[in-house]
Amino acid sequence: MKVLHSFKTAKKRHRDCRLVRRKRRVYIINKTNPRFKARQG
């Protein structure tokens, strides 16, 4: 999982990327390609 400062480019990396908020953190999850997982902050 990558830790990113900004999700502007991370959302465009793959068409299946979803932005999810959990426990005051923002995550990007991808069911089809899990290597695109990321967390902000």
N, C-alpha and C. Protein backbone atom coordinates (compact mmCIF):
# COMPACT_ATOMS: atom_id res chain seq x y z
N MET A 1 0.84 -1.18 0.00
CA MET A 1 0.00 0.00 0.00
C MET A 1 0.88 1.24 0.00
N LYS A 2 0.55 2.17 -0.87
CA LYS A 2 1.32 3.41 -0.96
C LYS A 2 0.66 4.47 -0.09
N VAL A 3 1.48 5.35 0.47
CA VAL A 3 0.97 6.50 1.21
C VAL A 3 1.22 7.72 0.34
N LEU A 4 0.13 8.39 -0.04
CA LEU A 4 0.23 9.51 -0.98
C LEU A 4 -0.25 10.79 -0.32
N HIS A 5 0.28 11.92 -0.81
CA HIS A 5 -0.17 13.22 -0.31
C HIS A 5 -1.42 13.68 -1.05
N SER A 6 -1.50 13.32 -2.32
CA SER A 6 -2.63 13.77 -3.12
C SER A 6 -3.17 12.60 -3.94
N PHE A 7 -4.48 12.55 -4.10
CA PHE A 7 -5.11 11.48 -4.85
C PHE A 7 -5.50 11.90 -6.25
N LYS A 8 -5.06 13.06 -6.68
CA LYS A 8 -5.49 13.57 -7.98
C LYS A 8 -5.09 12.64 -9.12
N THR A 9 -3.83 12.18 -9.12
CA THR A 9 -3.39 11.27 -10.17
C THR A 9 -3.72 9.82 -9.85
N ALA A 10 -3.85 9.50 -8.56
CA ALA A 10 -4.07 8.11 -8.17
C ALA A 10 -5.43 7.59 -8.65
N LYS A 11 -6.43 8.47 -8.72
CA LYS A 11 -7.74 8.04 -9.17
C LYS A 11 -7.73 7.68 -10.65
N LYS A 12 -6.87 8.36 -11.42
CA LYS A 12 -6.84 8.14 -12.87
C LYS A 12 -5.96 6.97 -13.27
N ARG A 13 -5.30 6.34 -12.31
CA ARG A 13 -4.36 5.26 -12.63
C ARG A 13 -5.05 4.04 -13.23
N HIS A 14 -6.25 3.76 -12.75
CA HIS A 14 -6.98 2.58 -13.21
C HIS A 14 -8.46 2.91 -13.14
N ARG A 15 -9.25 2.34 -14.05
CA ARG A 15 -10.67 2.73 -14.08
C ARG A 15 -11.47 2.13 -12.93
N ASP A 16 -10.94 1.09 -12.26
CA ASP A 16 -11.67 0.46 -11.16
C ASP A 16 -11.30 1.02 -9.79
N CYS A 17 -10.50 2.07 -9.75
CA CYS A 17 -10.10 2.63 -8.46
C CYS A 17 -11.29 3.31 -7.79
N ARG A 18 -11.51 2.96 -6.52
CA ARG A 18 -12.61 3.56 -5.75
C ARG A 18 -12.03 4.31 -4.56
N LEU A 19 -12.64 5.45 -4.26
CA LEU A 19 -12.21 6.25 -3.12
C LEU A 19 -13.11 5.93 -1.94
N VAL A 20 -12.50 5.51 -0.83
CA VAL A 20 -13.26 5.06 0.34
C VAL A 20 -12.76 5.80 1.57
N ARG A 21 -13.69 6.21 2.45
CA ARG A 21 -13.30 6.85 3.71
C ARG A 21 -13.55 5.89 4.85
N ARG A 22 -12.48 5.61 5.62
CA ARG A 22 -12.61 4.72 6.78
C ARG A 22 -11.79 5.29 7.92
N LYS A 23 -12.42 5.43 9.07
CA LYS A 23 -11.74 5.86 10.30
C LYS A 23 -10.90 7.12 10.09
N ARG A 24 -11.53 8.11 9.51
CA ARG A 24 -10.91 9.43 9.24
C ARG A 24 -9.73 9.37 8.28
N ARG A 25 -9.59 8.28 7.54
CA ARG A 25 -8.54 8.20 6.53
C ARG A 25 -9.17 7.93 5.18
N VAL A 26 -8.54 8.42 4.14
CA VAL A 26 -9.05 8.23 2.79
C VAL A 26 -8.21 7.15 2.11
N TYR A 27 -8.89 6.17 1.53
CA TYR A 27 -8.21 5.06 0.89
C TYR A 27 -8.64 4.96 -0.56
N ILE A 28 -7.76 4.42 -1.38
CA ILE A 28 -8.14 4.01 -2.73
C ILE A 28 -8.03 2.49 -2.76
N ILE A 29 -9.12 1.84 -3.13
CA ILE A 29 -9.10 0.39 -3.22
C ILE A 29 -9.41 -0.01 -4.65
N ASN A 30 -8.87 -1.15 -5.05
CA ASN A 30 -9.06 -1.65 -6.40
C ASN A 30 -9.21 -3.16 -6.32
N LYS A 31 -10.41 -3.64 -6.63
CA LYS A 31 -10.67 -5.07 -6.50
C LYS A 31 -9.96 -5.87 -7.59
N THR A 32 -9.91 -5.33 -8.81
CA THR A 32 -9.35 -6.10 -9.92
C THR A 32 -7.83 -6.10 -9.90
N ASN A 33 -7.23 -5.00 -9.44
CA ASN A 33 -5.76 -4.92 -9.42
C ASN A 33 -5.32 -4.35 -8.08
N PRO A 34 -5.08 -5.20 -7.07
CA PRO A 34 -4.82 -4.71 -5.70
C PRO A 34 -3.53 -3.92 -5.54
N ARG A 35 -2.66 -3.90 -6.55
CA ARG A 35 -1.41 -3.16 -6.37
C ARG A 35 -1.61 -1.65 -6.43
N PHE A 36 -2.81 -1.19 -6.77
CA PHE A 36 -3.11 0.24 -6.81
C PHE A 36 -3.66 0.75 -5.49
N LYS A 37 -3.61 -0.07 -4.43
CA LYS A 37 -4.13 0.39 -3.14
C LYS A 37 -3.30 1.56 -2.63
N ALA A 38 -3.95 2.55 -2.03
CA ALA A 38 -3.23 3.70 -1.51
C ALA A 38 -3.99 4.28 -0.32
N ARG A 39 -3.26 5.02 0.47
CA ARG A 39 -3.84 5.69 1.64
C ARG A 39 -3.32 7.11 1.67
N GLN A 40 -4.16 8.04 2.11
CA GLN A 40 -3.75 9.44 2.15
C GLN A 40 -3.42 9.85 3.58
N GLY A 41 -2.31 10.59 3.73
CA GLY A 41 -1.94 11.16 5.01
C GLY A 41 -1.08 10.29 5.89
